[in-house]
Amino acid sequence: MESVLRSIKSAQAEADALVQSAREDASRVVTEARRASTEIVNSATEAAQSDARATIDAARATAQKEADAVRVSGTAAAEQLAASAAERLPSAVDLLLSSIQDA
């Protein structure tokens, strides 16, 4: 009978040790999983931010090219208007003087 009780007590101690070991393993696995998930989230966040920066930079470059083209076009149009106005200035002055003299 004593032998059976010792055997039961020994089995109980082994079971308790196994349960404790399993709890420690589970805790370690959870900690490692949390660490890995944090790394994955951080990596994904960095990649998303990098992609966003690249997209914004590309959009800025495109907008700058369009703005430069509009500026060049506007400058050319302004120069044409100035040249046309300069060509017509003598005629306008003559017309104005003529209408003053006729009045």
PDB file of N, CA and C in Angstrom:
ATOM      1  N   MET A   1       0.804  -1.189   0.000  1.00  0.00           N
ATOM      2  CA  MET A   1       0.000   0.000   0.000  1.00  0.00           C
ATOM      3  C   MET A   1       0.855   1.265   0.000  1.00  0.00           C
ATOM      4  N   GLU A   2       1.913   1.228   0.804  1.00  0.00           N
ATOM      5  CA  GLU A   2       2.819   2.372   0.885  1.00  0.00           C
ATOM      6  C   GLU A   2       3.489   2.607  -0.467  1.00  0.00           C
ATOM      7  N   SER A   3       3.803   1.553  -1.128  1.00  0.00           N
ATOM      8  CA  SER A   3       4.435   1.628  -2.438  1.00  0.00           C
ATOM      9  C   SER A   3       3.490   2.274  -3.449  1.00  0.00           C
ATOM     10  N   VAL A   4       2.244   1.952  -3.378  1.00  0.00           N
ATOM     11  CA  VAL A   4       1.252   2.520  -4.293  1.00  0.00           C
ATOM     12  C   VAL A   4       1.111   4.015  -4.029  1.00  0.00           C
ATOM     13  N   LEU A   5       1.082   4.400  -2.746  1.00  0.00           N
ATOM     14  CA  LEU A   5       0.971   5.819  -2.397  1.00  0.00           C
ATOM     15  C   LEU A   5       2.195   6.597  -2.864  1.00  0.00           C
ATOM     16  N   ARG A   6       3.381   5.996  -2.694  1.00  0.00           N
ATOM     17  CA  ARG A   6       4.598   6.657  -3.181  1.00  0.00           C
ATOM     18  C   ARG A   6       4.559   6.789  -4.699  1.00  0.00           C
ATOM     19  N   SER A   7       4.080   5.798  -5.356  1.00  0.00           N
ATOM     20  CA  SER A   7       3.993   5.817  -6.812  1.00  0.00           C
ATOM     21  C   SER A   7       3.007   6.895  -7.272  1.00  0.00           C
ATOM     22  N   ILE A   8       1.889   6.995  -6.552  1.00  0.00           N
ATOM     23  CA  ILE A   8       0.900   8.024  -6.893  1.00  0.00           C
ATOM     24  C   ILE A   8       1.492   9.413  -6.651  1.00  0.00           C
ATOM     25  N   LYS A   9       2.177   9.553  -5.498  1.00  0.00           N
ATOM     26  CA  LYS A   9       2.789  10.838  -5.172  1.00  0.00           C
ATOM     27  C   LYS A   9       3.859  11.212  -6.201  1.00  0.00           C
ATOM     28  N   SER A  10       4.629  10.246  -6.614  1.00  0.00           N
ATOM     29  CA  SER A  10       5.672  10.476  -7.620  1.00  0.00           C
ATOM     30  C   SER A  10       5.038  10.863  -8.956  1.00  0.00           C
ATOM     31  N   ALA A  11       3.983  10.160  -9.330  1.00  0.00           N
ATOM     32  CA  ALA A  11       3.295  10.466 -10.586  1.00  0.00           C
ATOM     33  C   ALA A  11       2.701  11.872 -10.538  1.00  0.00           C
ATOM     34  N   GLN A  12       2.153  12.224  -9.382  1.00  0.00           N
ATOM     35  CA  GLN A  12       1.585  13.568  -9.213  1.00  0.00           C
ATOM     36  C   GLN A  12       2.670  14.630  -9.340  1.00  0.00           C
ATOM     37  N   ALA A  13       3.830  14.403  -8.766  1.00  0.00           N
ATOM     38  CA  ALA A  13       4.945  15.349  -8.854  1.00  0.00           C
ATOM     39  C   ALA A  13       5.404  15.490 -10.304  1.00  0.00           C
ATOM     40  N   GLU A  14       5.484  14.372 -11.033  1.00  0.00           N
ATOM     41  CA  GLU A  14       5.871  14.421 -12.443  1.00  0.00           C
ATOM     42  C   GLU A  14       4.829  15.179 -13.259  1.00  0.00           C
ATOM     43  N   ALA A  15       3.557  14.935 -12.956  1.00  0.00           N
ATOM     44  CA  ALA A  15       2.486  15.634 -13.676  1.00  0.00           C
ATOM     45  C   ALA A  15       2.558  17.127 -13.400  1.00  0.00           C
ATOM     46  N   ASP A  16       2.790  17.495 -12.133  1.00  0.00           N
ATOM     47  CA  ASP A  16       2.916  18.911 -11.786  1.00  0.00           C
ATOM     48  C   ASP A  16       4.096  19.548 -12.519  1.00  0.00           C
ATOM     49  N   ALA A  17       5.206  18.842 -12.601  1.00  0.00           N
ATOM     50  CA  ALA A  17       6.384  19.342 -13.309  1.00  0.00           C
ATOM     51  C   ALA A  17       6.083  19.512 -14.795  1.00  0.00           C
ATOM     52  N   LEU A  18       5.375  18.545 -15.378  1.00  0.00           N
ATOM     53  CA  LEU A  18       5.017  18.639 -16.795  1.00  0.00           C
ATOM     54  C   LEU A  18       4.084  19.828 -17.045  1.00  0.00           C
ATOM     55  N   VAL A  19       3.121  20.017 -16.151  1.00  0.00           N
ATOM     56  CA  VAL A  19       2.198  21.148 -16.293  1.00  0.00           C
ATOM     57  C   VAL A  19       2.973  22.456 -16.196  1.00  0.00           C
ATOM     58  N   GLN A  20       3.863  22.560 -15.232  1.00  0.00           N
ATOM     59  CA  GLN A  20       4.664  23.781 -15.072  1.00  0.00           C
ATOM     60  C   GLN A  20       5.525  24.022 -16.303  1.00  0.00           C
ATOM     61  N   SER A  21       6.139  22.971 -16.816  1.00  0.00           N
ATOM     62  CA  SER A  21       6.968  23.091 -18.019  1.00  0.00           C
ATOM     63  C   SER A  21       6.118  23.533 -19.211  1.00  0.00           C
ATOM     64  N   ALA A  22       4.917  22.969 -19.330  1.00  0.00           N
ATOM     65  CA  ALA A  22       4.022  23.337 -20.430  1.00  0.00           C
ATOM     66  C   ALA A  22       3.609  24.797 -20.314  1.00  0.00           C
ATOM     67  N   ARG A  23       3.333  25.254 -19.091  1.00  0.00           N
ATOM     68  CA  ARG A  23       2.969  26.662 -18.890  1.00  0.00           C
ATOM     69  C   ARG A  23       4.125  27.588 -19.275  1.00  0.00           C
ATOM     70  N   GLU A  24       5.338  27.212 -18.894  1.00  0.00           N
ATOM     71  CA  GLU A  24       6.507  28.018 -19.239  1.00  0.00           C
ATOM     72  C   GLU A  24       6.715  28.056 -20.748  1.00  0.00           C
ATOM     73  N   ASP A  25       6.545  26.897 -21.391  1.00  0.00           N
ATOM     74  CA  ASP A  25       6.673  26.838 -22.855  1.00  0.00           C
ATOM     75  C   ASP A  25       5.609  27.698 -23.526  1.00  0.00           C
ATOM     76  N   ALA A  26       4.384  27.604 -23.035  1.00  0.00           N
ATOM     77  CA  ALA A  26       3.293  28.397 -23.607  1.00  0.00           C
ATOM     78  C   ALA A  26       3.574  29.889 -23.434  1.00  0.00           C
ATOM     79  N   SER A  27       4.044  30.266 -22.285  1.00  0.00           N
ATOM     80  CA  SER A  27       4.366  31.667 -22.037  1.00  0.00           C
ATOM     81  C   SER A  27       5.471  32.141 -22.974  1.00  0.00           C
ATOM     82  N   ARG A  28       6.481  31.314 -23.166  1.00  0.00           N
ATOM     83  CA  ARG A  28       7.597  31.659 -24.056  1.00  0.00           C
ATOM     84  C   ARG A  28       7.105  31.784 -25.502  1.00  0.00           C
ATOM     85  N   VAL A  29       6.250  30.865 -25.918  1.00  0.00           N
ATOM     86  CA  VAL A  29       5.719  30.899 -27.285  1.00  0.00           C
ATOM     87  C   VAL A  29       4.885  32.165 -27.497  1.00  0.00           C
ATOM     88  N   VAL A  30       4.058  32.511 -26.514  1.00  0.00           N
ATOM     89  CA  VAL A  30       3.243  33.720 -26.624  1.00  0.00           C
ATOM     90  C   VAL A  30       4.136  34.956 -26.700  1.00  0.00           C
ATOM     91  N   THR A  31       5.163  35.002 -25.870  1.00  0.00           N
ATOM     92  CA  THR A  31       6.084  36.146 -25.890  1.00  0.00           C
ATOM     93  C   THR A  31       6.778  36.258 -27.239  1.00  0.00           C
ATOM     94  N   GLU A  32       7.240  35.145 -27.771  1.00  0.00           N
ATOM     95  CA  GLU A  32       7.906  35.157 -29.080  1.00  0.00           C
ATOM     96  C   GLU A  32       6.932  35.558 -30.181  1.00  0.00           C
ATOM     97  N   ALA A  33       5.691  35.082 -30.096  1.00  0.00           N
ATOM     98  CA  ALA A  33       4.687  35.442 -31.107  1.00  0.00           C
ATOM     99  C   ALA A  33       4.387  36.934 -31.054  1.00  0.00           C
ATOM    100  N   ARG A  34       4.293  37.487 -29.860  1.00  0.00           N
ATOM    101  CA  ARG A  34       4.059  38.933 -29.729  1.00  0.00           C
ATOM    102  C   ARG A  34       5.217  39.726 -30.311  1.00  0.00           C
ATOM    103  N   ARG A  35       6.417  39.283 -30.024  1.00  0.00           N
ATOM    104  CA  ARG A  35       7.605  39.968 -30.549  1.00  0.00           C
ATOM    105  C   ARG A  35       7.614  39.902 -32.076  1.00  0.00           C
ATOM    106  N   ALA A  36       7.319  38.727 -32.613  1.00  0.00           N
ATOM    107  CA  ALA A  36       7.302  38.564 -34.070  1.00  0.00           C
ATOM    108  C   ALA A  36       6.202  39.416 -34.701  1.00  0.00           C
ATOM    109  N   SER A  37       5.030  39.451 -34.063  1.00  0.00           N
ATOM    110  CA  SER A  37       3.950  40.260 -34.639  1.00  0.00           C
ATOM    111  C   SER A  37       4.297  41.742 -34.599  1.00  0.00           C
ATOM    112  N   THR A  38       4.958  42.176 -33.542  1.00  0.00           N
ATOM    113  CA  THR A  38       5.384  43.570 -33.455  1.00  0.00           C
ATOM    114  C   THR A  38       6.376  43.888 -34.567  1.00  0.00           C
ATOM    115  N   GLU A  39       7.302  42.982 -34.815  1.00  0.00           N
ATOM    116  CA  GLU A  39       8.280  43.194 -35.893  1.00  0.00           C
ATOM    117  C   GLU A  39       7.588  43.249 -37.253  1.00  0.00           C
ATOM    118  N   ILE A  40       6.607  42.382 -37.452  1.00  0.00           N
ATOM    119  CA  ILE A  40       5.871  42.365 -38.728  1.00  0.00           C
ATOM    120  C   ILE A  40       5.118  43.671 -38.916  1.00  0.00           C
ATOM    121  N   VAL A  41       4.446  44.120 -37.863  1.00  0.00           N
ATOM    122  CA  VAL A  41       3.698  45.383 -37.945  1.00  0.00           C
ATOM    123  C   VAL A  41       4.649  46.545 -38.209  1.00  0.00           C
ATOM    124  N   ASN A  42       5.770  46.580 -37.511  1.00  0.00           N
ATOM    125  CA  ASN A  42       6.745  47.656 -37.723  1.00  0.00           C
ATOM    126  C   ASN A  42       7.291  47.641 -39.142  1.00  0.00           C
ATOM    127  N   SER A  43       7.599  46.464 -39.624  1.00  0.00           N
ATOM    128  CA  SER A  43       8.120  46.339 -40.982  1.00  0.00           C
ATOM    129  C   SER A  43       7.079  46.786 -42.013  1.00  0.00           C
ATOM    130  N   ALA A  44       5.840  46.368 -41.817  1.00  0.00           N
ATOM    131  CA  ALA A  44       4.772  46.767 -42.738  1.00  0.00           C
ATOM    132  C   ALA A  44       4.543  48.274 -42.688  1.00  0.00           C
ATOM    133  N   THR A  45       4.606  48.846 -41.496  1.00  0.00           N
ATOM    134  CA  THR A  45       4.434  50.294 -41.350  1.00  0.00           C
ATOM    135  C   THR A  45       5.542  51.047 -42.075  1.00  0.00           C
ATOM    136  N   GLU A  46       6.771  50.599 -41.898  1.00  0.00           N
ATOM    137  CA  GLU A  46       7.898  51.236 -42.580  1.00  0.00           C
ATOM    138  C   GLU A  46       7.761  51.130 -44.093  1.00  0.00           C
ATOM    139  N   ALA A  47       7.346  49.954 -44.566  1.00  0.00           N
ATOM    140  CA  ALA A  47       7.176  49.763 -46.010  1.00  0.00           C
ATOM    141  C   ALA A  47       6.068  50.667 -46.545  1.00  0.00           C
ATOM    142  N   ALA A  48       4.976  50.771 -45.803  1.00  0.00           N
ATOM    143  CA  ALA A  48       3.869  51.626 -46.232  1.00  0.00           C
ATOM    144  C   ALA A  48       4.295  53.090 -46.263  1.00  0.00           C
ATOM    145  N   GLN A  49       5.039  53.515 -45.260  1.00  0.00           N
ATOM    146  CA  GLN A  49       5.513  54.898 -45.233  1.00  0.00           C
ATOM    147  C   GLN A  49       6.481  55.169 -46.378  1.00  0.00           C
ATOM    148  N   SER A  50       7.326  54.202 -46.664  1.00  0.00           N
ATOM    149  CA  SER A  50       8.264  54.354 -47.772  1.00  0.00           C
ATOM    150  C   SER A  50       7.520  54.453 -49.101  1.00  0.00           C
ATOM    151  N   ASP A  51       6.520  53.598 -49.284  1.00  0.00           N
ATOM    152  CA  ASP A  51       5.714  53.644 -50.507  1.00  0.00           C
ATOM    153  C   ASP A  51       4.972  54.976 -50.622  1.00  0.00           C
ATOM    154  N   ALA A  52       4.445  55.447 -49.502  1.00  0.00           N
ATOM    155  CA  ALA A  52       3.722  56.724 -49.512  1.00  0.00           C
ATOM    156  C   ALA A  52       4.662  57.865 -49.887  1.00  0.00           C
ATOM    157  N   ARG A  53       5.867  57.856 -49.305  1.00  0.00           N
ATOM    158  CA  ARG A  53       6.847  58.898 -49.645  1.00  0.00           C
ATOM    159  C   ARG A  53       7.194  58.854 -51.132  1.00  0.00           C
ATOM    160  N   ALA A  54       7.380  57.652 -51.660  1.00  0.00           N
ATOM    161  CA  ALA A  54       7.720  57.519 -53.079  1.00  0.00           C
ATOM    162  C   ALA A  54       6.582  58.031 -53.955  1.00  0.00           C
ATOM    163  N   THR A  55       5.348  57.714 -53.585  1.00  0.00           N
ATOM    164  CA  THR A  55       4.192  58.173 -54.351  1.00  0.00           C
ATOM    165  C   THR A  55       4.084  59.695 -54.303  1.00  0.00           C
ATOM    166  N   ILE A  56       4.266  60.253 -53.122  1.00  0.00           N
ATOM    167  CA  ILE A  56       4.204  61.714 -52.971  1.00  0.00           C
ATOM    168  C   ILE A  56       5.323  62.379 -53.760  1.00  0.00           C
ATOM    169  N   ASP A  57       6.523  61.829 -53.698  1.00  0.00           N
ATOM    170  CA  ASP A  57       7.647  62.404 -54.448  1.00  0.00           C
ATOM    171  C   ASP A  57       7.387  62.359 -55.951  1.00  0.00           C
ATOM    172  N   ALA A  58       6.833  61.247 -56.428  1.00  0.00           N
ATOM    173  CA  ALA A  58       6.520  61.130 -57.853  1.00  0.00           C
ATOM    174  C   ALA A  58       5.451  62.139 -58.254  1.00  0.00           C
ATOM    175  N   ALA A  59       4.441  62.300 -57.413  1.00  0.00           N
ATOM    176  CA  ALA A  59       3.377  63.267 -57.702  1.00  0.00           C
ATOM    177  C   ALA A  59       3.929  64.694 -57.704  1.00  0.00           C
ATOM    178  N   ARG A  60       4.824  64.995 -56.772  1.00  0.00           N
ATOM    179  CA  ARG A  60       5.438  66.333 -56.732  1.00  0.00           C
ATOM    180  C   ARG A  60       6.260  66.587 -57.991  1.00  0.00           C
ATOM    181  N   ALA A  61       7.014  65.582 -58.413  1.00  0.00           N
ATOM    182  CA  ALA A  61       7.838  65.740 -59.611  1.00  0.00           C
ATOM    183  C   ALA A  61       6.956  65.987 -60.839  1.00  0.00           C
ATOM    184  N   THR A  62       5.867  65.237 -60.936  1.00  0.00           N
ATOM    185  CA  THR A  62       4.942  65.419 -62.061  1.00  0.00           C
ATOM    186  C   THR A  62       4.314  66.801 -62.020  1.00  0.00           C
ATOM    187  N   ALA A  63       3.884  67.219 -60.837  1.00  0.00           N
ATOM    188  CA  ALA A  63       3.276  68.544 -60.690  1.00  0.00           C
ATOM    189  C   ALA A  63       4.283  69.636 -61.021  1.00  0.00           C
ATOM    190  N   GLN A  64       5.538  69.455 -60.628  1.00  0.00           N
ATOM    191  CA  GLN A  64       6.570  70.451 -60.924  1.00  0.00           C
ATOM    192  C   GLN A  64       6.805  70.557 -62.427  1.00  0.00           C
ATOM    193  N   LYS A  65       6.821  69.415 -63.121  1.00  0.00           N
ATOM    194  CA  LYS A  65       6.989  69.436 -64.580  1.00  0.00           C
ATOM    195  C   LYS A  65       5.829  70.175 -65.240  1.00  0.00           C
ATOM    196  N   GLU A  66       4.605  69.889 -64.769  1.00  0.00           N
ATOM    197  CA  GLU A  66       3.437  70.561 -65.339  1.00  0.00           C
ATOM    198  C   GLU A  66       3.488  72.062 -65.050  1.00  0.00           C
ATOM    199  N   ALA A  67       3.880  72.439 -63.838  1.00  0.00           N
ATOM    200  CA  ALA A  67       3.976  73.852 -63.488  1.00  0.00           C
ATOM    201  C   ALA A  67       5.030  74.548 -64.341  1.00  0.00           C
ATOM    202  N   ASP A  68       6.150  73.884 -64.575  1.00  0.00           N
ATOM    203  CA  ASP A  68       7.202  74.460 -65.421  1.00  0.00           C
ATOM    204  C   ASP A  68       6.698  74.660 -66.850  1.00  0.00           C
ATOM    205  N   ALA A  69       5.942  73.674 -67.363  1.00  0.00           N
ATOM    206  CA  ALA A  69       5.405  73.789 -68.724  1.00  0.00           C
ATOM    207  C   ALA A  69       4.415  74.951 -68.810  1.00  0.00           C
ATOM    208  N   VAL A  70       3.568  75.095 -67.793  1.00  0.00           N
ATOM    209  CA  VAL A  70       2.609  76.202 -67.777  1.00  0.00           C
ATOM    210  C   VAL A  70       3.347  77.531 -67.679  1.00  0.00           C
ATOM    211  N   ARG A  71       4.399  77.591 -66.872  1.00  0.00           N
ATOM    212  CA  ARG A  71       5.181  78.817 -66.721  1.00  0.00           C
ATOM    213  C   ARG A  71       5.819  79.207 -68.057  1.00  0.00           C
ATOM    214  N   VAL A  72       6.409  78.237 -68.745  1.00  0.00           N
ATOM    215  CA  VAL A  72       7.048  78.511 -70.038  1.00  0.00           C
ATOM    216  C   VAL A  72       6.004  78.986 -71.041  1.00  0.00           C
ATOM    217  N   SER A  73       4.874  78.302 -71.066  1.00  0.00           N
ATOM    218  CA  SER A  73       3.806  78.679 -71.987  1.00  0.00           C
ATOM    219  C   SER A  73       3.282  80.075 -71.668  1.00  0.00           C
ATOM    220  N   GLY A  74       3.077  80.355 -70.384  1.00  0.00           N
ATOM    221  CA  GLY A  74       2.592  81.676 -69.976  1.00  0.00           C
ATOM    222  C   GLY A  74       3.583  82.769 -70.298  1.00  0.00           C
ATOM    223  N   THR A  75       4.855  82.498 -70.101  1.00  0.00           N
ATOM    224  CA  THR A  75       5.899  83.483 -70.417  1.00  0.00           C
ATOM    225  C   THR A  75       5.915  83.776 -71.915  1.00  0.00           C
ATOM    226  N   ALA A  76       5.786  82.746 -72.709  1.00  0.00           N
ATOM    227  CA  ALA A  76       5.778  82.934 -74.164  1.00  0.00           C
ATOM    228  C   ALA A  76       4.556  83.740 -74.594  1.00  0.00           C
ATOM    229  N   ALA A  77       3.411  83.435 -74.008  1.00  0.00           N
ATOM    230  CA  ALA A  77       2.193  84.176 -74.350  1.00  0.00           C
ATOM    231  C   ALA A  77       2.322  85.637 -73.922  1.00  0.00           C
ATOM    232  N   ALA A  78       2.882  85.879 -72.758  1.00  0.00           N
ATOM    233  CA  ALA A  78       3.064  87.245 -72.274  1.00  0.00           C
ATOM    234  C   ALA A  78       4.024  88.011 -73.185  1.00  0.00           C
ATOM    235  N   GLU A  79       5.076  87.351 -73.624  1.00  0.00           N
ATOM    236  CA  GLU A  79       6.030  88.005 -74.521  1.00  0.00           C
ATOM    237  C   GLU A  79       5.375  88.347 -75.856  1.00  0.00           C
ATOM    238  N   GLN A  80       4.522  87.446 -76.360  1.00  0.00           N
ATOM    239  CA  GLN A  80       3.807  87.716 -77.614  1.00  0.00           C
ATOM    240  C   GLN A  80       2.871  88.904 -77.451  1.00  0.00           C
ATOM    241  N   LEU A  81       2.154  88.953 -76.330  1.00  0.00           N
ATOM    242  CA  LEU A  81       1.257  90.086 -76.089  1.00  0.00           C
ATOM    243  C   LEU A  81       2.033  91.390 -75.989  1.00  0.00           C
ATOM    244  N   ALA A  82       3.151  91.359 -75.305  1.00  0.00           N
ATOM    245  CA  ALA A  82       3.969  92.565 -75.173  1.00  0.00           C
ATOM    246  C   ALA A  82       4.488  93.013 -76.529  1.00  0.00           C
ATOM    247  N   ALA A  83       4.937  92.063 -77.345  1.00  0.00           N
ATOM    248  CA  ALA A  83       5.441  92.412 -78.680  1.00  0.00           C
ATOM    249  C   ALA A  83       4.324  92.970 -79.543  1.00  0.00           C
ATOM    250  N   SER A  84       3.152  92.368 -79.482  1.00  0.00           N
ATOM    251  CA  SER A  84       2.010  92.837 -80.261  1.00  0.00           C
ATOM    252  C   SER A  84       1.595  94.240 -79.817  1.00  0.00           C
ATOM    253  N   ALA A  85       1.588  94.440 -78.498  1.00  0.00           N
ATOM    254  CA  ALA A  85       1.232  95.758 -77.977  1.00  0.00           C
ATOM    255  C   ALA A  85       2.273  96.799 -78.402  1.00  0.00           C
ATOM    256  N   ALA A  86       3.522  96.434 -78.380  1.00  0.00           N
ATOM    257  CA  ALA A  86       4.581  97.360 -78.779  1.00  0.00           C
ATOM    258  C   ALA A  86       4.446  97.715 -80.258  1.00  0.00           C
ATOM    259  N   GLU A  87       4.057  96.735 -81.095  1.00  0.00           N
ATOM    260  CA  GLU A  87       3.880  96.999 -82.529  1.00  0.00           C
ATOM    261  C   GLU A  87       2.701  97.934 -82.770  1.00  0.00           C
ATOM    262  N   ARG A  88       1.654  97.791 -81.976  1.00  0.00           N
ATOM    263  CA  ARG A  88       0.437  98.578 -82.182  1.00  0.00           C
ATOM    264  C   ARG A  88       0.473  99.931 -81.468  1.00  0.00           C
ATOM    265  N   LEU A  89       1.431 100.150 -80.617  1.00  0.00           N
ATOM    266  CA  LEU A  89       1.487 101.400 -79.850  1.00  0.00           C
ATOM    267  C   LEU A  89       1.546 102.638 -80.755  1.00  0.00           C
ATOM    268  N   PRO A  90       2.410 102.682 -81.754  1.00  0.00           N
ATOM    269  CA  PRO A  90       2.441 103.890 -82.607  1.00  0.00           C
ATOM    270  C   PRO A  90       1.096 104.152 -83.297  1.00  0.00           C
ATOM    271  N   SER A  91       0.432 103.076 -83.756  1.00  0.00           N
ATOM    272  CA  SER A  91      -0.869 103.252 -84.411  1.00  0.00           C
ATOM    273  C   SER A  91      -1.891 103.760 -83.419  1.00  0.00           C
ATOM    274  N   ALA A  92      -1.852 103.259 -82.209  1.00  0.00           N
ATOM    275  CA  ALA A  92      -2.800 103.700 -81.190  1.00  0.00           C
ATOM    276  C   ALA A  92      -2.568 105.155 -80.834  1.00  0.00           C
ATOM    277  N   VAL A  93      -1.310 105.538 -80.718  1.00  0.00           N
ATOM    278  CA  VAL A  93      -0.987 106.940 -80.406  1.00  0.00           C
ATOM    279  C   VAL A  93      -1.467 107.847 -81.534  1.00  0.00           C
ATOM    280  N   ASP A  94      -1.198 107.433 -82.787  1.00  0.00           N
ATOM    281  CA  ASP A  94      -1.661 108.230 -83.934  1.00  0.00           C
ATOM    282  C   ASP A  94      -3.175 108.344 -83.938  1.00  0.00           C
ATOM    283  N   LEU A  95      -3.881 107.249 -83.678  1.00  0.00           N
ATOM    284  CA  LEU A  95      -5.345 107.260 -83.674  1.00  0.00           C
ATOM    285  C   LEU A  95      -5.862 108.179 -82.567  1.00  0.00           C
ATOM    286  N   LEU A  96      -5.231 108.121 -81.410  1.00  0.00           N
ATOM    287  CA  LEU A  96      -5.650 108.955 -80.292  1.00  0.00           C
ATOM    288  C   LEU A  96      -5.405 110.441 -80.596  1.00  0.00           C
ATOM    289  N   LEU A  97      -4.256 110.751 -81.124  1.00  0.00           N
ATOM    290  CA  LEU A  97      -3.966 112.150 -81.489  1.00  0.00           C
ATOM    291  C   LEU A  97      -4.896 112.642 -82.569  1.00  0.00           C
ATOM    292  N   SER A  98      -5.189 111.781 -83.536  1.00  0.00           N
ATOM    293  CA  SER A  98      -6.087 112.134 -84.619  1.00  0.00           C
ATOM    294  C   SER A  98      -7.479 112.420 -84.087  1.00  0.00           C
ATOM    295  N   SER A  99      -7.958 111.618 -83.170  1.00  0.00           N
ATOM    296  CA  SER A  99      -9.309 111.840 -82.648  1.00  0.00           C
ATOM    297  C   SER A  99      -9.364 113.078 -81.764  1.00  0.00           C
ATOM    298  N   ILE A 100      -8.257 113.432 -81.099  1.00  0.00           N
ATOM    299  CA  ILE A 100      -8.216 114.656 -80.296  1.00  0.00           C
ATOM    300  C   ILE A 100      -8.203 115.873 -81.216  1.00  0.00           C
ATOM    301  N   GLN A 101      -7.478 115.797 -82.287  1.00  0.00           N
ATOM    302  CA  GLN A 101      -7.371 116.921 -83.208  1.00  0.00           C
ATOM    303  C   GLN A 101      -8.698 117.134 -83.936  1.00  0.00           C
ATOM    304  N   ASP A 102      -9.417 116.054 -84.229  1.00  0.00           N
ATOM    305  CA  ASP A 102     -10.681 116.164 -84.944  1.00  0.00           C
ATOM    306  C   ASP A 102     -11.787 116.689 -84.030  1.00  0.00           C
ATOM    307  N   ALA A 103     -11.614 116.587 -82.776  1.00  0.00           N
ATOM    308  CA  ALA A 103     -12.694 116.994 -81.864  1.00  0.00           C
ATOM    309  C   ALA A 103     -12.763 118.446 -81.651  1.00  0.00           C
TER     310      ALA A 103
END
